[in-house]
Amino acid sequence: MGVGRFVYTPILPLMHAQAGLSAGAGANLATANYVGYLLGALAGTLAPALVRSRAALRGALVLLTATLAAMPVTRGTAVWEVLRLLAGAASALVFVIAVASLLHHLRDHPPHLPGWAFGGVGAGIALSGLLVLALRTVADWRAAWWAAAALAAVLTAVSWNLRPEEAPAAAVAGDRPRVRVRRWFGALFVSYFLEGVGYIVAGTFLVAAIGQGSPGWAGTGAWIVVGLAAVPSSALWARLGRRWSRPGLLLTALAVQAVGIALPALTGSTAAALGSAALFGATFLGVSTLALATGAQLRFPRSVALLTAGYSVGQILGPLAVAPLLRHGYHQALLLAALVVLTSAASAAVLRIGFPHDAGGQQVGGLHVAGGAHVGPGHVVGGAHVGPEHMAGGEDVGREPVVGGEDVGREPVVGG
């Protein structure tokens, strides 16, 4: 999924230079991918049978690989938009099924393992960046897409026999959220929605922006750094969340991310570009981990699904919001994105005021459980998101959704 979804970012400058793709058309392709991702994620949420289907997993893997191979076959922007929309939907389904399988089959294993597994997204980003970096001086944009398809095919073969999760057990409905909890959740929802708007601008245009004022290798090299920094980030932020307040860590991660997004717009040095990539890679998965864990800690019904929906809509709006600025290059777009992420941090600061850190949770296996929801490294409740903008499917039962859980007392449990 990291390859199929994110290889577009390092290939984008090549398409601008060699395929005649305009900045506005590039933004439209990104938006098509985000719309497709939202549709695929919703499919996994509304049709839990898909999440338990090996045929759905294999079909999505094949479709995702095929969309990569088809990109260089045409120069039609409309066809490219359809292909990126299909790639988004397929990558969402792959992630839905993989995460549900991960949570189900690793529930009796050490809790840090899922955090590292979610780092596969970062590994895919790094691999795709290395691939484009190696090809950019000896081949054109078409070869980059075909090479990405070949890499995806290899990873598809490795993933072919992944066992989907089994049907989850039923759960008993939880209590209605208190008014004050709604206020905290509202602040969290606004913060996470704004993060979706701001982060995706950097996630789409960071390579192109760095390439404007740095050596040719710097943009793609920075994308590799993003992926490498993302690999351990979910596990790291989840571990920090066991010692410090999640709202406080969320505020910190968002502030650091804003700095990272703004750096390439403020200075053209290669060192600043690589530093920006490291800060961005180390925070974008971590923010998702912390936000979703905080929502589960509040015991708000369907919190992860609601947060994911807001985040996904933000991803769609981000490229559209900055599209008018792209005629002047990418620096203004990055500064606006950094400002949006700072606003997200301000909303996280509001969340800290009087936050109920005990929120009815308990310690299970070294991880905090709130309302029965496993809130370790980016885990999922009821069909929701894990990592940047992702949803993992479960069944909505009563008022508290469950993934691979059991009914214990009155509260649903994730991962047993």
Protein backbone atom coordinates (compact mmCIF):
# COMPACT_ATOMS: atom_id res chain seq x y z
CA MET A 1 0.00 0.00 0.00
CA GLY A 2 2.88 2.38 0.74
CA VAL A 3 4.14 1.90 -2.81
CA GLY A 4 0.80 1.95 -4.61
CA ARG A 5 -0.55 4.95 -2.76
CA PHE A 6 2.53 7.15 -2.35
CA VAL A 7 4.86 6.51 -5.32
CA TYR A 8 2.99 9.29 -7.13
CA THR A 9 4.76 11.87 -4.97
CA PRO A 10 8.34 11.24 -6.20
CA ILE A 11 7.15 10.59 -9.77
CA LEU A 12 5.16 13.86 -9.89
CA PRO A 13 8.19 16.10 -10.75
CA LEU A 14 9.11 13.74 -13.60
CA MET A 15 5.56 13.98 -14.97
CA HIS A 16 5.72 17.76 -14.77
CA ALA A 17 8.99 17.86 -16.70
CA GLN A 18 8.49 15.03 -19.19
CA ALA A 19 4.76 14.35 -19.58
CA GLY A 20 3.50 17.93 -19.69
CA LEU A 21 1.45 17.58 -16.51
CA SER A 22 0.49 20.99 -15.11
CA ALA A 23 0.57 21.79 -11.40
CA GLY A 24 -3.22 22.05 -11.31
CA ALA A 25 -3.66 18.71 -13.05
CA GLY A 26 -1.20 17.18 -10.59
CA ALA A 27 -3.36 18.40 -7.72
CA ASN A 28 -6.44 16.91 -9.39
CA LEU A 29 -4.76 13.51 -9.68
CA ALA A 30 -3.91 13.65 -6.00
CA THR A 31 -7.49 14.54 -5.13
CA ALA A 32 -8.83 11.64 -7.22
CA ASN A 33 -6.61 9.27 -5.24
CA TYR A 34 -7.90 10.64 -1.92
CA VAL A 35 -11.52 10.34 -3.03
CA GLY A 36 -10.87 6.74 -4.05
CA TYR A 37 -9.24 6.05 -0.71
CA LEU A 38 -12.25 7.40 1.15
CA LEU A 39 -14.58 5.22 -0.95
CA GLY A 40 -12.47 2.11 -0.36
CA ALA A 41 -12.28 2.78 3.36
CA LEU A 42 -16.04 3.27 3.58
CA ALA A 43 -16.56 0.01 1.67
CA GLY A 44 -14.48 -1.81 4.24
CA THR A 45 -16.44 -0.21 7.05
CA LEU A 46 -19.95 -0.66 5.68
CA ALA A 47 -19.36 -4.20 4.34
CA PRO A 48 -17.42 -6.06 7.07
CA ALA A 49 -17.53 -9.25 4.99
CA LEU A 50 -14.96 -7.65 2.67
CA VAL A 51 -12.53 -7.37 5.57
CA ARG A 52 -12.72 -11.13 6.11
CA SER A 53 -12.45 -12.03 2.43
CA ARG A 54 -9.21 -13.40 0.99
CA ALA A 55 -10.66 -12.89 -2.49
CA ALA A 56 -11.20 -9.19 -1.77
CA LEU A 57 -7.61 -8.86 -0.56
CA ARG A 58 -6.17 -10.56 -3.61
CA GLY A 59 -8.43 -8.65 -5.98
CA ALA A 60 -7.42 -5.33 -4.43
CA LEU A 61 -3.71 -6.24 -4.61
CA VAL A 62 -4.00 -7.11 -8.29
CA LEU A 63 -6.04 -3.98 -9.07
CA LEU A 64 -3.57 -1.73 -7.25
CA THR A 65 -0.63 -3.22 -9.20
CA ALA A 66 -2.53 -2.94 -12.48
CA THR A 67 -3.28 0.76 -11.97
CA LEU A 68 0.44 1.45 -11.55
CA ALA A 69 1.28 -0.44 -14.75
CA ALA A 70 -1.45 1.38 -16.69
CA MET A 71 -0.33 4.93 -15.83
CA PRO A 72 2.40 5.16 -18.53
CA VAL A 73 0.18 3.66 -21.23
CA THR A 74 -1.66 6.95 -21.81
CA ARG A 75 -1.15 10.71 -21.58
CA GLY A 76 -4.82 11.44 -20.98
CA THR A 77 -5.38 13.34 -17.75
CA ALA A 78 -8.93 12.02 -17.40
CA VAL A 79 -7.70 8.42 -17.64
CA TRP A 80 -4.97 9.15 -15.11
CA GLU A 81 -7.61 10.48 -12.71
CA VAL A 82 -9.65 7.29 -13.03
CA LEU A 83 -6.55 5.16 -12.47
CA ARG A 84 -5.53 7.10 -9.36
CA LEU A 85 -9.10 6.90 -8.03
CA LEU A 86 -9.04 3.11 -8.47
CA ALA A 87 -5.58 2.96 -6.88
CA GLY A 88 -6.90 4.85 -3.87
CA ALA A 89 -9.86 2.53 -3.44
CA ALA A 90 -7.72 -0.59 -3.84
CA SER A 91 -5.02 0.62 -1.45
CA ALA A 92 -7.68 1.39 1.16
CA LEU A 93 -9.13 -2.11 0.92
CA VAL A 94 -5.66 -3.65 1.15
CA PHE A 95 -4.99 -1.65 4.30
CA VAL A 96 -8.40 -2.43 5.78
CA ILE A 97 -7.91 -6.16 5.42
CA ALA A 98 -4.26 -6.14 6.47
CA VAL A 99 -4.92 -4.15 9.64
CA ALA A 100 -7.90 -6.25 10.65
CA SER A 101 -5.80 -9.39 10.13
CA LEU A 102 -2.93 -7.85 12.09
CA LEU A 103 -5.09 -6.95 15.08
CA HIS A 104 -6.76 -10.34 15.10
CA HIS A 105 -3.72 -12.59 14.72
CA LEU A 106 -1.31 -10.59 16.91
CA ARG A 107 -3.63 -10.12 19.86
CA ASP A 108 -1.65 -12.58 22.00
CA HIS A 109 1.75 -11.18 20.96
CA PRO A 110 3.79 -8.31 22.42
CA PRO A 111 1.93 -5.01 21.93
CA HIS A 112 4.82 -3.23 20.19
CA LEU A 113 4.56 -5.53 17.16
CA PRO A 114 1.52 -3.83 15.57
CA GLY A 115 3.28 -0.45 15.76
CA TRP A 116 6.22 -1.81 13.81
CA ALA A 117 3.90 -3.54 11.35
CA PHE A 118 2.18 -0.24 10.60
CA GLY A 119 5.64 1.06 9.77
CA GLY A 120 5.27 -0.94 6.56
CA VAL A 121 3.63 2.17 5.12
CA GLY A 122 6.86 4.07 5.75
CA ALA A 123 8.92 1.22 4.31
CA GLY A 124 6.82 1.33 1.13
CA ILE A 125 7.37 5.08 0.87
CA ALA A 126 11.13 4.62 1.28
CA LEU A 127 11.30 1.79 -1.27
CA SER A 128 9.35 3.76 -3.86
CA GLY A 129 11.57 6.78 -3.30
CA LEU A 130 14.74 4.70 -3.72
CA LEU A 131 13.31 3.24 -6.91
CA VAL A 132 12.58 6.63 -8.49
CA LEU A 133 15.93 8.03 -7.33
CA ALA A 134 17.76 5.18 -9.05
CA LEU A 135 15.79 5.59 -12.30
CA ARG A 136 15.52 9.36 -12.65
CA THR A 137 18.92 9.75 -14.40
CA VAL A 138 18.66 6.72 -16.68
CA ALA A 139 14.96 6.46 -17.56
CA ASP A 140 11.82 8.57 -17.93
CA TRP A 141 8.54 8.85 -16.01
CA ARG A 142 7.06 5.84 -17.80
CA ALA A 143 9.82 3.56 -16.59
CA ALA A 144 9.29 4.84 -13.05
CA TRP A 145 5.63 3.78 -13.11
CA TRP A 146 6.45 0.38 -14.62
CA ALA A 147 9.18 -0.20 -12.04
CA ALA A 148 6.73 0.73 -9.28
CA ALA A 149 4.25 -1.78 -10.72
CA ALA A 150 6.94 -4.46 -10.73
CA LEU A 151 7.81 -3.71 -7.09
CA ALA A 152 4.11 -3.83 -6.17
CA ALA A 153 3.80 -7.18 -7.96
CA VAL A 154 6.65 -8.63 -5.89
CA LEU A 155 5.07 -7.35 -2.67
CA THR A 156 1.69 -8.69 -3.83
CA ALA A 157 3.21 -12.15 -4.17
CA VAL A 158 4.61 -11.93 -0.64
CA SER A 159 1.20 -10.78 0.66
CA TRP A 160 -0.85 -13.31 -1.29
CA ASN A 161 -1.49 -15.75 1.55
CA LEU A 162 -2.20 -13.21 4.30
CA ARG A 163 -5.02 -14.62 6.42
CA PRO A 164 -7.89 -12.17 6.95
CA GLU A 165 -9.45 -11.83 10.39
CA GLU A 166 -12.21 -14.13 11.57
CA ALA A 167 -15.71 -12.88 12.31
CA PRO A 168 -15.73 -10.68 15.44
CA ALA A 169 -17.82 -11.53 18.46
CA ALA A 170 -20.85 -9.50 19.43
CA ALA A 171 -20.65 -6.70 21.96
CA VAL A 172 -23.03 -4.97 24.32
CA ALA A 173 -23.96 -1.34 23.78
CA GLY A 174 -22.07 1.26 25.78
CA ASP A 175 -23.31 4.34 27.57
CA ARG A 176 -24.18 7.56 25.83
CA PRO A 177 -21.33 10.09 25.87
CA ARG A 178 -21.51 12.84 28.45
CA VAL A 179 -21.87 16.44 27.27
CA ARG A 180 -18.37 17.33 28.41
CA VAL A 181 -16.91 14.35 26.54
CA ARG A 182 -18.60 15.66 23.40
CA ARG A 183 -16.73 18.95 23.85
CA TRP A 184 -13.39 17.19 24.13
CA PHE A 185 -14.19 14.99 21.16
CA GLY A 186 -15.25 18.05 19.17
CA ALA A 187 -11.85 19.67 19.75
CA LEU A 188 -10.15 16.42 18.76
CA PHE A 189 -12.27 16.10 15.62
CA VAL A 190 -11.42 19.64 14.51
CA SER A 191 -7.74 19.06 15.19
CA TYR A 192 -7.65 15.81 13.21
CA PHE A 193 -9.67 17.24 10.31
CA LEU A 194 -7.23 20.17 10.01
CA GLU A 195 -4.31 17.74 10.16
CA GLY A 196 -5.82 15.93 7.18
CA VAL A 197 -5.95 19.21 5.25
CA GLY A 198 -2.41 20.31 6.14
CA TYR A 199 -0.47 17.06 6.12
CA ILE A 200 -1.67 15.95 2.70
CA VAL A 201 -0.34 19.09 1.01
CA ALA A 202 3.17 18.18 2.15
CA GLY A 203 2.52 14.50 1.45
CA THR A 204 1.67 15.37 -2.15
CA PHE A 205 3.98 18.26 -3.06
CA LEU A 206 7.00 18.02 -0.73
CA VAL A 207 9.24 16.35 -3.32
CA ALA A 208 8.32 18.84 -6.05
CA ALA A 209 8.79 21.79 -3.68
CA ILE A 210 12.23 20.66 -2.58
CA GLY A 211 13.21 19.96 -6.19
CA GLN A 212 12.57 23.61 -7.11
CA GLY A 213 15.49 24.95 -5.10
CA SER A 214 17.78 21.97 -4.46
CA PRO A 215 19.88 19.51 -6.48
CA GLY A 216 17.91 17.04 -8.57
CA TRP A 217 18.42 14.15 -6.16
CA ALA A 218 17.31 16.11 -3.09
CA GLY A 219 13.56 15.88 -3.64
CA THR A 220 13.45 12.13 -4.10
CA GLY A 221 16.10 11.69 -1.41
CA ALA A 222 13.91 13.64 0.98
CA TRP A 223 11.00 11.29 0.23
CA ILE A 224 13.19 8.34 1.15
CA VAL A 225 13.96 10.07 4.46
CA VAL A 226 10.20 10.55 5.02
CA GLY A 227 9.66 6.82 4.64
CA LEU A 228 12.58 5.82 6.84
CA ALA A 229 11.50 8.20 9.59
CA ALA A 230 7.93 6.89 9.39
CA VAL A 231 8.89 3.23 9.91
CA PRO A 232 9.41 3.42 13.71
CA SER A 233 7.15 6.41 14.36
CA SER A 234 3.90 4.62 15.31
CA ALA A 235 5.69 2.36 17.78
CA LEU A 236 7.63 5.32 19.23
CA TRP A 237 4.65 7.63 19.74
CA ALA A 238 2.59 4.78 21.18
CA ARG A 239 5.35 4.07 23.70
CA LEU A 240 5.56 7.75 24.67
CA GLY A 241 1.78 7.71 25.12
CA ARG A 242 2.21 5.28 27.99
CA ARG A 243 4.19 7.87 29.97
CA TRP A 244 2.83 11.27 28.92
CA SER A 245 -0.56 12.77 28.17
CA ARG A 246 -1.77 11.90 24.68
CA PRO A 247 -3.28 15.39 24.09
CA GLY A 248 0.08 16.89 25.08
CA LEU A 249 1.96 14.57 22.76
CA LEU A 250 -0.53 15.34 19.98
CA LEU A 251 0.12 19.06 20.43
CA THR A 252 3.87 18.43 20.32
CA ALA A 253 3.73 16.24 17.23
CA LEU A 254 1.58 18.75 15.34
CA ALA A 255 3.87 21.65 16.22
CA VAL A 256 6.94 19.68 15.09
CA GLN A 257 5.16 18.71 11.88
CA ALA A 258 4.25 22.35 11.14
CA VAL A 259 7.92 23.30 11.43
CA GLY A 260 8.89 20.46 9.12
CA ILE A 261 6.34 21.47 6.46
CA ALA A 262 7.40 25.14 6.55
CA LEU A 263 11.18 24.56 6.33
CA PRO A 264 11.47 24.06 2.53
CA ALA A 265 9.46 27.24 1.97
CA LEU A 266 11.68 29.29 4.29
CA THR A 267 15.09 28.12 3.07
CA GLY A 268 16.33 26.36 -0.02
CA SER A 269 19.22 24.51 1.59
CA THR A 270 19.53 20.78 1.11
CA ALA A 271 20.09 20.25 4.82
CA ALA A 272 16.80 22.02 5.60
CA ALA A 273 15.02 19.89 2.99
CA LEU A 274 16.26 16.65 4.54
CA GLY A 275 15.46 17.94 8.03
CA SER A 276 11.96 18.79 6.86
CA ALA A 277 11.53 15.27 5.52
CA ALA A 278 12.69 13.72 8.78
CA LEU A 279 10.31 15.84 10.89
CA PHE A 280 7.38 15.16 8.59
CA GLY A 281 8.04 11.41 8.39
CA ALA A 282 8.43 11.11 12.15
CA THR A 283 5.08 12.78 12.87
CA PHE A 284 2.41 12.07 10.25
CA LEU A 285 1.79 8.47 11.33
CA GLY A 286 2.34 9.43 14.97
CA VAL A 287 -0.38 12.07 14.83
CA SER A 288 -2.83 9.45 13.57
CA THR A 289 -1.78 7.05 16.31
CA LEU A 290 -2.25 9.66 19.05
CA ALA A 291 -5.50 11.13 17.72
CA LEU A 292 -7.23 7.78 17.34
CA ALA A 293 -5.99 6.56 20.72
CA THR A 294 -7.31 9.77 22.32
CA GLY A 295 -10.72 9.32 20.71
CA ALA A 296 -10.93 5.76 22.00
CA GLN A 297 -9.83 6.90 25.45
CA LEU A 298 -12.78 9.30 25.55
CA ARG A 299 -15.11 6.32 24.98
CA PHE A 300 -17.00 8.29 22.34
CA PRO A 301 -19.19 5.98 20.22
CA ARG A 302 -17.69 5.22 16.81
CA SER A 303 -14.87 7.66 17.57
CA VAL A 304 -12.31 6.17 15.21
CA ALA A 305 -14.74 5.92 12.31
CA LEU A 306 -15.82 9.54 12.81
CA LEU A 307 -12.25 10.79 13.10
CA THR A 308 -11.25 8.87 9.99
CA ALA A 309 -14.10 10.35 8.00
CA GLY A 310 -13.11 13.88 8.99
CA TYR A 311 -9.45 13.18 8.22
CA SER A 312 -10.29 11.71 4.80
CA VAL A 313 -12.44 14.70 3.86
CA GLY A 314 -9.57 16.96 4.93
CA GLN A 315 -7.25 15.06 2.57
CA ILE A 316 -9.63 15.71 -0.30
CA LEU A 317 -9.91 19.42 0.48
CA GLY A 318 -6.17 20.05 1.03
CA PRO A 319 -4.93 19.90 -2.59
CA LEU A 320 -8.03 21.77 -3.79
CA ALA A 321 -7.42 24.56 -1.26
CA VAL A 322 -3.83 25.17 -2.39
CA ALA A 323 -4.39 24.64 -6.12
CA PRO A 324 -4.77 28.43 -6.82
CA LEU A 325 -1.36 29.00 -5.18
CA LEU A 326 0.51 26.46 -7.28
CA ARG A 327 0.92 28.79 -10.25
CA HIS A 328 3.48 30.61 -8.10
CA GLY A 329 5.32 27.41 -7.15
CA TYR A 330 4.95 25.29 -4.04
CA HIS A 331 6.32 27.53 -1.30
CA GLN A 332 3.07 29.40 -0.63
CA ALA A 333 1.18 26.12 -0.55
CA LEU A 334 3.57 24.69 2.04
CA LEU A 335 3.35 27.79 4.21
CA LEU A 336 -0.45 27.62 4.13
CA ALA A 337 -0.30 23.92 5.02
CA ALA A 338 2.03 24.67 7.94
CA LEU A 339 -0.42 27.33 9.16
CA VAL A 340 -3.30 24.85 8.98
CA VAL A 341 -1.32 22.29 10.99
CA LEU A 342 -0.50 24.98 13.58
CA THR A 343 -4.23 25.66 13.84
CA SER A 344 -4.69 21.93 14.36
CA ALA A 345 -2.14 22.14 17.18
CA ALA A 346 -4.13 25.00 18.74
CA SER A 347 -7.22 22.82 18.74
CA ALA A 348 -5.18 20.06 20.41
CA ALA A 349 -4.15 22.60 23.05
CA VAL A 350 -7.84 23.26 23.77
CA LEU A 351 -8.31 19.50 24.10
CA ARG A 352 -5.76 19.43 26.93
CA ILE A 353 -7.89 21.68 29.17
CA GLY A 354 -9.41 19.44 31.82
CA PHE A 355 -8.90 16.32 29.70
CA PRO A 356 -10.04 13.15 31.61
CA HIS A 357 -6.80 11.20 31.47
CA ASP A 358 -8.33 8.26 33.34
CA ALA A 359 -11.50 8.23 31.11
CA GLY A 360 -12.65 4.87 32.36
CA GLY A 361 -9.67 2.99 31.00
CA GLN A 362 -7.55 0.23 32.37
CA GLN A 363 -4.18 -1.31 31.64
CA VAL A 364 -4.25 -4.48 29.59
CA GLY A 365 -0.96 -5.98 28.47
CA GLY A 366 0.88 -2.72 28.99
CA LEU A 367 -1.49 -0.73 26.77
CA HIS A 368 -4.25 1.59 27.85
CA VAL A 369 -7.79 0.43 27.16
CA ALA A 370 -10.64 2.90 27.20
CA GLY A 371 -14.19 1.68 26.86
CA GLY A 372 -12.77 -1.64 25.78
CA ALA A 373 -10.95 -0.13 22.80
CA HIS A 374 -7.35 -1.07 22.18
CA VAL A 375 -5.57 2.25 21.82
CA GLY A 376 -2.06 1.09 21.29
CA PRO A 377 -0.06 2.10 18.22
CA GLY A 378 -2.75 3.29 15.87
CA HIS A 379 -5.17 0.46 16.59
CA VAL A 380 -8.69 0.30 15.38
CA VAL A 381 -12.21 0.27 16.68
CA GLY A 382 -15.14 -0.58 14.47
CA GLY A 383 -13.93 -0.06 11.05
CA ALA A 384 -11.56 2.70 11.53
CA HIS A 385 -8.35 4.28 10.69
CA VAL A 386 -4.80 3.15 11.47
CA GLY A 387 -1.77 5.16 10.37
CA PRO A 388 -2.09 8.32 7.87
CA GLU A 389 -5.81 8.40 6.74
CA HIS A 390 -6.59 4.59 7.00
CA MET A 391 -9.61 2.54 8.00
CA ALA A 392 -9.76 -1.01 9.22
CA GLY A 393 -13.01 -2.78 9.21
CA GLY A 394 -15.06 -4.27 11.94
CA GLU A 395 -18.72 -4.50 12.69
CA ASP A 396 -20.73 -1.78 14.29
CA VAL A 397 -22.53 -3.52 17.16
CA GLY A 398 -24.77 -1.51 19.44
CA ARG A 399 -23.16 1.85 20.17
CA GLU A 400 -19.57 0.62 20.61
CA PRO A 401 -17.89 -0.98 17.57
CA VAL A 402 -15.52 -3.90 17.89
CA VAL A 403 -12.65 -5.42 15.95
CA GLY A 404 -11.80 -9.04 16.63
CA GLY A 405 -13.00 -8.69 20.20
CA GLU A 406 -14.99 -10.43 22.83
CA ASP A 407 -17.77 -9.24 25.07
CA VAL A 408 -16.30 -8.86 28.55
CA GLY A 409 -18.76 -7.47 31.09
CA ARG A 410 -20.43 -4.49 29.43
CA GLU A 411 -17.53 -3.23 27.38
CA PRO A 412 -16.28 -4.43 23.97
CA VAL A 413 -12.63 -5.38 23.71
CA VAL A 414 -10.27 -5.12 20.76
CA GLY A 415 -7.76 -7.89 20.24
CA GLY A 416 -9.36 -10.11 22.89
